[in-house]
Amino acid sequence: MDLKENERIDDLEFEDLKIIQNTKGFCFGIDSVLLSDFAKNIKKNSTIVDLGTGTGIISILLSKKTEAKKIYGIELQEEVCDMASRSVLLNNLQDKIEIINKNIKNISDTLGINVSDVVVTNPPYKKYGTGLLNENDSKIISRHEKECTLEDVIKQSFKILKDKGLFYMVHRPDRLVDIIYLMRKYKIEPKEIRIVYSNIKSKAVLVLIKGIKNAGEELKVLSPLYIYNEDGTYTDEVLKIYNKK
């Protein structure tokens, strides 16, 4: 497959999957890999919607980690969407994954209402106008809520999910209050939370959260996930997630 300027092909080291990334753009991180592992109990022949798919990392991993029938990856940025589409072709997954170049905040107009069994999302973490904005436009859109907000993501997830549909998100711990408030507001009941730490001595760096549309109240806080041992090597659990143990 021909690559464009600054592009490379990375081996995902799982089921021979590969992905195209741009070294000058926003490359996927461990948060996407952890979310693809956290999104469990997805039934056979499910329809999954990946909101803010970026270069398609979560959709591509879930195509082999689950027995989903169809996965829709939604991405606003045209050039990033193009990379994701070419990665789908690179892995011969075009019958299973469809990349759609649309804004998340009105995606229910395209997909319809009550159509998805599962939503997975790794949305922009930062409120627009906070933090440093001396990045290129692609990185700003990927990292900041410039084109869609956390509320847009959760509101649209409620619309496209079927009743009792599953919702999986990775985000930052400092937004946890906002996340739970908005999930309750849009009737996606928080069911499981797992806090991620760099190591046993660090502050929390990520939060993984599962919700169910129109479910009853019962929240489980799972055991913490540590990325690194004290010597800087990956923990056994992360090695297992990366298929290296």
C-alpha atoms as a PDB file:
ATOM      1  CA  MET A   1       0.000   0.000   0.000  1.00  0.00           C
ATOM      2  CA  ASP A   2       1.293   3.460  -0.931  1.00  0.00           C
ATOM      3  CA  LEU A   3       1.918   5.806   1.988  1.00  0.00           C
ATOM      4  CA  LYS A   4       1.616   9.584   2.026  1.00  0.00           C
ATOM      5  CA  GLU A   5       4.164  12.040   3.397  1.00  0.00           C
ATOM      6  CA  ASN A   6       5.125  11.405   7.063  1.00  0.00           C
ATOM      7  CA  GLU A   7       3.092   8.189   7.199  1.00  0.00           C
ATOM      8  CA  ARG A   8       4.258   4.838   8.488  1.00  0.00           C
ATOM      9  CA  ILE A   9       2.739   1.390   9.062  1.00  0.00           C
ATOM     10  CA  ASP A  10       2.845   0.123  12.655  1.00  0.00           C
ATOM     11  CA  ASP A  11       2.441  -3.531  13.628  1.00  0.00           C
ATOM     12  CA  LEU A  12      -0.175  -3.854  16.402  1.00  0.00           C
ATOM     13  CA  GLU A  13       1.305  -7.239  17.395  1.00  0.00           C
ATOM     14  CA  PHE A  14      -2.163  -8.746  17.646  1.00  0.00           C
ATOM     15  CA  GLU A  15      -3.708 -11.076  15.049  1.00  0.00           C
ATOM     16  CA  ASP A  16      -1.335  -9.660  12.400  1.00  0.00           C
ATOM     17  CA  LEU A  17      -3.160  -6.315  12.534  1.00  0.00           C
ATOM     18  CA  LYS A  18      -1.441  -3.171  11.272  1.00  0.00           C
ATOM     19  CA  ILE A  19      -2.273   0.525  11.260  1.00  0.00           C
ATOM     20  CA  ILE A  20      -1.240   3.582   9.269  1.00  0.00           C
ATOM     21  CA  GLN A  21      -0.172   6.611  11.314  1.00  0.00           C
ATOM     22  CA  ASN A  22       1.199  10.052  10.523  1.00  0.00           C
ATOM     23  CA  THR A  23       4.282  10.985  12.535  1.00  0.00           C
ATOM     24  CA  LYS A  24       3.303  14.672  12.382  1.00  0.00           C
ATOM     25  CA  GLY A  25      -0.253  14.046  13.538  1.00  0.00           C
ATOM     26  CA  PHE A  26      -1.948  12.554  16.593  1.00  0.00           C
ATOM     27  CA  CYS A  27      -0.851   8.936  17.071  1.00  0.00           C
ATOM     28  CA  PHE A  28      -2.813   6.537  19.255  1.00  0.00           C
ATOM     29  CA  GLY A  29      -1.690   5.896  22.820  1.00  0.00           C
ATOM     30  CA  ILE A  30      -2.106   3.274  25.499  1.00  0.00           C
ATOM     31  CA  ASP A  31      -5.523   4.716  26.410  1.00  0.00           C
ATOM     32  CA  SER A  32      -7.029   3.315  23.192  1.00  0.00           C
ATOM     33  CA  VAL A  33      -5.425  -0.082  23.769  1.00  0.00           C
ATOM     34  CA  LEU A  34      -6.731  -0.216  27.348  1.00  0.00           C
ATOM     35  CA  LEU A  35     -10.229   0.745  26.210  1.00  0.00           C
ATOM     36  CA  SER A  36     -10.266  -2.013  23.576  1.00  0.00           C
ATOM     37  CA  ASP A  37      -9.461  -4.487  26.367  1.00  0.00           C
ATOM     38  CA  PHE A  38     -11.962  -2.969  28.829  1.00  0.00           C
ATOM     39  CA  ALA A  39     -14.841  -3.278  26.344  1.00  0.00           C
ATOM     40  CA  LYS A  40     -15.758  -6.834  27.277  1.00  0.00           C
ATOM     41  CA  ASN A  41     -18.997  -8.832  27.165  1.00  0.00           C
ATOM     42  CA  ILE A  42     -19.805  -7.692  23.637  1.00  0.00           C
ATOM     43  CA  LYS A  43     -22.191 -10.248  22.200  1.00  0.00           C
ATOM     44  CA  LYS A  44     -21.744 -12.053  18.915  1.00  0.00           C
ATOM     45  CA  ASN A  45     -23.159 -10.210  15.872  1.00  0.00           C
ATOM     46  CA  SER A  46     -23.320  -6.902  17.745  1.00  0.00           C
ATOM     47  CA  THR A  47     -23.175  -3.536  16.042  1.00  0.00           C
ATOM     48  CA  ILE A  48     -20.479  -1.263  17.520  1.00  0.00           C
ATOM     49  CA  VAL A  49     -20.073   2.477  17.009  1.00  0.00           C
ATOM     50  CA  ASP A  50     -16.623   3.924  17.721  1.00  0.00           C
ATOM     51  CA  LEU A  51     -17.090   7.659  18.307  1.00  0.00           C
ATOM     52  CA  GLY A  52     -13.962   9.634  17.437  1.00  0.00           C
ATOM     53  CA  THR A  53     -12.140   6.683  15.921  1.00  0.00           C
ATOM     54  CA  GLY A  54      -9.068   8.669  14.865  1.00  0.00           C
ATOM     55  CA  THR A  55      -6.878   6.400  12.766  1.00  0.00           C
ATOM     56  CA  GLY A  56      -9.191   3.482  13.583  1.00  0.00           C
ATOM     57  CA  ILE A  57      -7.173   1.803  16.317  1.00  0.00           C
ATOM     58  CA  ILE A  58     -10.096   0.796  18.572  1.00  0.00           C
ATOM     59  CA  SER A  59     -12.292  -0.365  15.688  1.00  0.00           C
ATOM     60  CA  ILE A  60      -9.465  -2.437  14.227  1.00  0.00           C
ATOM     61  CA  LEU A  61      -8.605  -4.086  17.555  1.00  0.00           C
ATOM     62  CA  LEU A  62     -12.256  -4.808  18.375  1.00  0.00           C
ATOM     63  CA  SER A  63     -12.717  -6.432  14.977  1.00  0.00           C
ATOM     64  CA  LYS A  64     -10.542  -9.295  16.259  1.00  0.00           C
ATOM     65  CA  LYS A  65     -11.213  -9.080  20.011  1.00  0.00           C
ATOM     66  CA  THR A  66     -14.985  -9.487  19.530  1.00  0.00           C
ATOM     67  CA  GLU A  67     -17.385 -11.298  17.223  1.00  0.00           C
ATOM     68  CA  ALA A  68     -19.163  -8.079  16.288  1.00  0.00           C
ATOM     69  CA  LYS A  69     -20.989  -8.107  12.986  1.00  0.00           C
ATOM     70  CA  LYS A  70     -20.405  -4.455  12.080  1.00  0.00           C
ATOM     71  CA  ILE A  71     -18.262  -1.621  13.436  1.00  0.00           C
ATOM     72  CA  TYR A  72     -18.755   2.004  12.447  1.00  0.00           C
ATOM     73  CA  GLY A  73     -15.817   4.320  13.108  1.00  0.00           C
ATOM     74  CA  ILE A  74     -16.855   7.979  13.225  1.00  0.00           C
ATOM     75  CA  GLU A  75     -14.170  10.593  12.526  1.00  0.00           C
ATOM     76  CA  LEU A  76     -14.515  14.301  11.748  1.00  0.00           C
ATOM     77  CA  GLN A  77     -11.073  15.018  10.290  1.00  0.00           C
ATOM     78  CA  GLU A  78     -10.986  14.112   6.614  1.00  0.00           C
ATOM     79  CA  GLU A  79      -7.274  13.296   6.407  1.00  0.00           C
ATOM     80  CA  VAL A  80      -7.411  11.158   9.566  1.00  0.00           C
ATOM     81  CA  CYS A  81     -10.539   9.450   8.272  1.00  0.00           C
ATOM     82  CA  ASP A  82      -8.660   8.653   5.062  1.00  0.00           C
ATOM     83  CA  MET A  83      -5.852   7.003   7.054  1.00  0.00           C
ATOM     84  CA  ALA A  84      -8.372   4.944   9.025  1.00  0.00           C
ATOM     85  CA  SER A  85     -10.102   3.822   5.819  1.00  0.00           C
ATOM     86  CA  ARG A  86      -6.785   2.749   4.281  1.00  0.00           C
ATOM     87  CA  SER A  87      -5.898   0.851   7.481  1.00  0.00           C
ATOM     88  CA  VAL A  88      -9.199  -1.010   7.190  1.00  0.00           C
ATOM     89  CA  LEU A  89      -8.274  -2.003   3.634  1.00  0.00           C
ATOM     90  CA  LEU A  90      -4.730  -2.896   4.718  1.00  0.00           C
ATOM     91  CA  ASN A  91      -6.195  -5.426   7.158  1.00  0.00           C
ATOM     92  CA  ASN A  92      -8.905  -6.661   4.743  1.00  0.00           C
ATOM     93  CA  LEU A  93     -11.612  -5.601   7.200  1.00  0.00           C
ATOM     94  CA  GLN A  94     -13.779  -3.622   4.787  1.00  0.00           C
ATOM     95  CA  ASP A  95     -16.677  -6.081   5.197  1.00  0.00           C
ATOM     96  CA  LYS A  96     -16.671  -5.537   8.968  1.00  0.00           C
ATOM     97  CA  ILE A  97     -15.561  -1.924   9.542  1.00  0.00           C
ATOM     98  CA  GLU A  98     -16.979   1.206   7.914  1.00  0.00           C
ATOM     99  CA  ILE A  99     -15.298   4.562   8.519  1.00  0.00           C
ATOM    100  CA  ILE A 100     -17.671   7.553   8.351  1.00  0.00           C
ATOM    101  CA  ASN A 101     -16.427  11.131   7.958  1.00  0.00           C
ATOM    102  CA  LYS A 102     -18.940  12.989  10.168  1.00  0.00           C
ATOM    103  CA  ASN A 103     -19.052  15.116  13.313  1.00  0.00           C
ATOM    104  CA  ILE A 104     -19.989  13.167  16.437  1.00  0.00           C
ATOM    105  CA  LYS A 105     -22.407  15.819  17.668  1.00  0.00           C
ATOM    106  CA  ASN A 106     -25.042  15.009  15.038  1.00  0.00           C
ATOM    107  CA  ILE A 107     -24.117  11.435  14.155  1.00  0.00           C
ATOM    108  CA  SER A 108     -27.584  10.133  15.082  1.00  0.00           C
ATOM    109  CA  ASP A 109     -28.874  11.992  12.002  1.00  0.00           C
ATOM    110  CA  THR A 110     -26.671   9.705   9.895  1.00  0.00           C
ATOM    111  CA  LEU A 111     -26.857   6.398  11.773  1.00  0.00           C
ATOM    112  CA  GLY A 112     -30.382   6.677  13.156  1.00  0.00           C
ATOM    113  CA  ILE A 113     -31.900   6.200  16.619  1.00  0.00           C
ATOM    114  CA  ASN A 114     -31.578   3.004  18.714  1.00  0.00           C
ATOM    115  CA  VAL A 115     -29.337   1.250  16.181  1.00  0.00           C
ATOM    116  CA  SER A 116     -26.188   0.283  18.097  1.00  0.00           C
ATOM    117  CA  ASP A 117     -25.576  -2.468  20.637  1.00  0.00           C
ATOM    118  CA  VAL A 118     -22.324  -0.891  21.841  1.00  0.00           C
ATOM    119  CA  VAL A 119     -20.649   2.523  21.812  1.00  0.00           C
ATOM    120  CA  VAL A 120     -16.920   2.862  22.491  1.00  0.00           C
ATOM    121  CA  THR A 121     -15.256   6.243  22.681  1.00  0.00           C
ATOM    122  CA  ASN A 122     -11.913   7.848  23.400  1.00  0.00           C
ATOM    123  CA  PRO A 123     -13.018  11.485  23.021  1.00  0.00           C
ATOM    124  CA  PRO A 124     -10.991  14.701  23.318  1.00  0.00           C
ATOM    125  CA  TYR A 125     -10.019  15.077  26.979  1.00  0.00           C
ATOM    126  CA  LYS A 126      -9.543  18.818  27.380  1.00  0.00           C
ATOM    127  CA  LYS A 127     -12.114  21.599  27.414  1.00  0.00           C
ATOM    128  CA  TYR A 128     -11.420  23.962  24.540  1.00  0.00           C
ATOM    129  CA  GLY A 129      -9.494  27.013  25.694  1.00  0.00           C
ATOM    130  CA  THR A 130      -7.661  25.152  28.475  1.00  0.00           C
ATOM    131  CA  GLY A 131      -4.067  23.967  28.311  1.00  0.00           C
ATOM    132  CA  LEU A 132      -1.603  24.694  25.528  1.00  0.00           C
ATOM    133  CA  LEU A 133      -2.955  25.239  22.033  1.00  0.00           C
ATOM    134  CA  ASN A 134       0.379  25.559  20.214  1.00  0.00           C
ATOM    135  CA  GLU A 135      -0.273  22.369  18.259  1.00  0.00           C
ATOM    136  CA  ASN A 136      -1.369  21.746  14.683  1.00  0.00           C
ATOM    137  CA  ASP A 137      -5.108  21.739  13.961  1.00  0.00           C
ATOM    138  CA  SER A 138      -5.287  17.941  13.853  1.00  0.00           C
ATOM    139  CA  LYS A 139      -3.817  17.554  17.327  1.00  0.00           C
ATOM    140  CA  ILE A 140      -6.015  20.338  18.750  1.00  0.00           C
ATOM    141  CA  ILE A 141      -9.179  18.652  17.435  1.00  0.00           C
ATOM    142  CA  SER A 142      -8.016  15.265  18.758  1.00  0.00           C
ATOM    143  CA  ARG A 143      -7.114  16.555  22.227  1.00  0.00           C
ATOM    144  CA  HIS A 144      -9.487  19.472  22.844  1.00  0.00           C
ATOM    145  CA  GLU A 145     -13.281  19.768  22.749  1.00  0.00           C
ATOM    146  CA  LYS A 146     -13.158  22.185  19.823  1.00  0.00           C
ATOM    147  CA  GLU A 147     -15.553  20.375  17.481  1.00  0.00           C
ATOM    148  CA  CYS A 148     -17.565  18.322  19.983  1.00  0.00           C
ATOM    149  CA  THR A 149     -17.905  18.318  23.758  1.00  0.00           C
ATOM    150  CA  LEU A 150     -18.155  15.547  26.325  1.00  0.00           C
ATOM    151  CA  GLU A 151     -21.882  16.279  26.497  1.00  0.00           C
ATOM    152  CA  ASP A 152     -22.204  15.886  22.718  1.00  0.00           C
ATOM    153  CA  VAL A 153     -20.548  12.455  22.929  1.00  0.00           C
ATOM    154  CA  ILE A 154     -22.782  11.180  25.730  1.00  0.00           C
ATOM    155  CA  LYS A 155     -25.971  12.702  24.328  1.00  0.00           C
ATOM    156  CA  GLN A 156     -25.380  11.135  20.914  1.00  0.00           C
ATOM    157  CA  SER A 157     -24.435   7.818  22.516  1.00  0.00           C
ATOM    158  CA  PHE A 158     -27.825   7.696  24.226  1.00  0.00           C
ATOM    159  CA  LYS A 159     -29.560   8.407  20.932  1.00  0.00           C
ATOM    160  CA  ILE A 160     -27.824   5.732  18.881  1.00  0.00           C
ATOM    161  CA  LEU A 161     -27.720   3.009  21.561  1.00  0.00           C
ATOM    162  CA  LYS A 162     -30.446   0.410  21.768  1.00  0.00           C
ATOM    163  CA  ASP A 163     -32.209  -0.060  25.103  1.00  0.00           C
ATOM    164  CA  LYS A 164     -29.742  -1.671  27.536  1.00  0.00           C
ATOM    165  CA  GLY A 165     -26.938  -0.993  25.060  1.00  0.00           C
ATOM    166  CA  LEU A 166     -23.358  -0.858  26.389  1.00  0.00           C
ATOM    167  CA  PHE A 167     -21.244   2.304  26.622  1.00  0.00           C
ATOM    168  CA  TYR A 168     -17.460   2.229  27.135  1.00  0.00           C
ATOM    169  CA  MET A 169     -15.277   5.318  27.534  1.00  0.00           C
ATOM    170  CA  VAL A 170     -11.721   6.209  28.475  1.00  0.00           C
ATOM    171  CA  HIS A 171     -11.094   9.702  29.811  1.00  0.00           C
ATOM    172  CA  ARG A 172      -9.170  11.691  32.399  1.00  0.00           C
ATOM    173  CA  PRO A 173      -9.907  11.381  36.151  1.00  0.00           C
ATOM    174  CA  ASP A 174     -10.308  15.146  36.533  1.00  0.00           C
ATOM    175  CA  ARG A 175     -13.423  14.938  34.318  1.00  0.00           C
ATOM    176  CA  LEU A 176     -15.004  12.055  36.255  1.00  0.00           C
ATOM    177  CA  VAL A 177     -17.630  14.194  37.993  1.00  0.00           C
ATOM    178  CA  ASP A 178     -18.678  15.660  34.637  1.00  0.00           C
ATOM    179  CA  ILE A 179     -18.777  12.193  33.075  1.00  0.00           C
ATOM    180  CA  ILE A 180     -21.015  10.660  35.743  1.00  0.00           C
ATOM    181  CA  TYR A 181     -23.285  13.714  35.820  1.00  0.00           C
ATOM    182  CA  LEU A 182     -23.766  13.677  32.040  1.00  0.00           C
ATOM    183  CA  MET A 183     -24.228   9.909  31.873  1.00  0.00           C
ATOM    184  CA  ARG A 184     -26.999  10.140  34.459  1.00  0.00           C
ATOM    185  CA  LYS A 185     -28.500  13.152  32.644  1.00  0.00           C
ATOM    186  CA  TYR A 186     -28.756  11.163  29.418  1.00  0.00           C
ATOM    187  CA  LYS A 187     -29.845   7.905  31.067  1.00  0.00           C
ATOM    188  CA  ILE A 188     -26.654   5.923  30.548  1.00  0.00           C
ATOM    189  CA  GLU A 189     -26.218   4.466  34.019  1.00  0.00           C
ATOM    190  CA  PRO A 190     -22.575   4.135  35.194  1.00  0.00           C
ATOM    191  CA  LYS A 191     -21.996   0.457  36.045  1.00  0.00           C
ATOM    192  CA  GLU A 192     -18.213  -0.052  36.292  1.00  0.00           C
ATOM    193  CA  ILE A 193     -15.249   2.257  36.839  1.00  0.00           C
ATOM    194  CA  ARG A 194     -11.584   1.335  36.723  1.00  0.00           C
ATOM    195  CA  ILE A 195      -8.904   3.865  37.599  1.00  0.00           C
ATOM    196  CA  VAL A 196      -5.567   3.646  35.762  1.00  0.00           C
ATOM    197  CA  TYR A 197      -2.239   4.689  37.316  1.00  0.00           C
ATOM    198  CA  SER A 198       1.197   5.002  35.766  1.00  0.00           C
ATOM    199  CA  ASN A 199       2.601   3.072  38.759  1.00  0.00           C
ATOM    200  CA  ILE A 200       1.752   2.276  42.354  1.00  0.00           C
ATOM    201  CA  LYS A 201       3.077   5.656  43.564  1.00  0.00           C
ATOM    202  CA  SER A 202       1.551   7.903  40.899  1.00  0.00           C
ATOM    203  CA  LYS A 203      -1.649   9.889  40.731  1.00  0.00           C
ATOM    204  CA  ALA A 204      -4.445   8.515  38.567  1.00  0.00           C
ATOM    205  CA  VAL A 205      -3.871   9.170  34.862  1.00  0.00           C
ATOM    206  CA  LEU A 206      -6.922   7.610  33.177  1.00  0.00           C
ATOM    207  CA  VAL A 207     -10.388   6.364  34.003  1.00  0.00           C
ATOM    208  CA  LEU A 208     -12.225   3.559  32.207  1.00  0.00           C
ATOM    209  CA  ILE A 209     -15.994   3.632  32.597  1.00  0.00           C
ATOM    210  CA  LYS A 210     -18.801   1.351  31.477  1.00  0.00           C
ATOM    211  CA  GLY A 211     -22.461   2.356  31.336  1.00  0.00           C
ATOM    212  CA  ILE A 212     -25.727   0.781  30.248  1.00  0.00           C
ATOM    213  CA  LYS A 213     -28.593   2.693  28.672  1.00  0.00           C
ATOM    214  CA  ASN A 214     -31.717   2.779  30.839  1.00  0.00           C
ATOM    215  CA  ALA A 215     -30.230   0.442  33.470  1.00  0.00           C
ATOM    216  CA  GLY A 216     -30.805   0.400  37.212  1.00  0.00           C
ATOM    217  CA  GLU A 217     -28.465   1.930  39.748  1.00  0.00           C
ATOM    218  CA  GLU A 218     -25.443  -0.131  40.815  1.00  0.00           C
ATOM    219  CA  LEU A 219     -21.865   1.035  40.390  1.00  0.00           C
ATOM    220  CA  LYS A 220     -18.831  -1.225  40.841  1.00  0.00           C
ATOM    221  CA  VAL A 221     -15.382   0.286  41.345  1.00  0.00           C
ATOM    222  CA  LEU A 222     -12.942  -2.283  39.997  1.00  0.00           C
ATOM    223  CA  SER A 223      -9.383  -2.916  41.163  1.00  0.00           C
ATOM    224  CA  PRO A 224      -6.846  -0.326  39.971  1.00  0.00           C
ATOM    225  CA  LEU A 225      -4.818  -0.882  36.811  1.00  0.00           C
ATOM    226  CA  TYR A 226      -1.091  -0.079  36.975  1.00  0.00           C
ATOM    227  CA  ILE A 227       0.756   0.473  33.701  1.00  0.00           C
ATOM    228  CA  TYR A 228       4.363   0.285  34.936  1.00  0.00           C
ATOM    229  CA  ASN A 229       6.312  -1.523  37.621  1.00  0.00           C
ATOM    230  CA  GLU A 230       8.605   0.553  39.827  1.00  0.00           C
ATOM    231  CA  ASP A 231      11.535  -0.243  37.507  1.00  0.00           C
ATOM    232  CA  GLY A 232       9.693   1.267  34.532  1.00  0.00           C
ATOM    233  CA  THR A 233       8.788  -2.010  32.820  1.00  0.00           C
ATOM    234  CA  TYR A 234       5.207  -2.854  31.895  1.00  0.00           C
ATOM    235  CA  THR A 235       3.197  -4.738  34.525  1.00  0.00           C
ATOM    236  CA  ASP A 236       2.121  -8.303  33.797  1.00  0.00           C
ATOM    237  CA  GLU A 237      -1.455  -7.161  33.186  1.00  0.00           C
ATOM    238  CA  VAL A 238      -0.436  -4.577  30.586  1.00  0.00           C
ATOM    239  CA  LEU A 239       1.896  -7.094  28.910  1.00  0.00           C
ATOM    240  CA  LYS A 240      -1.071  -9.449  28.675  1.00  0.00           C
ATOM    241  CA  ILE A 241      -3.250  -6.689  27.178  1.00  0.00           C
ATOM    242  CA  TYR A 242      -0.511  -6.060  24.590  1.00  0.00           C
ATOM    243  CA  ASN A 243      -0.422  -9.793  23.877  1.00  0.00           C
ATOM    244  CA  LYS A 244       3.186 -10.043  25.068  1.00  0.00           C
ATOM    245  CA  LYS A 245       2.640 -12.430  27.978  1.00  0.00           C
END
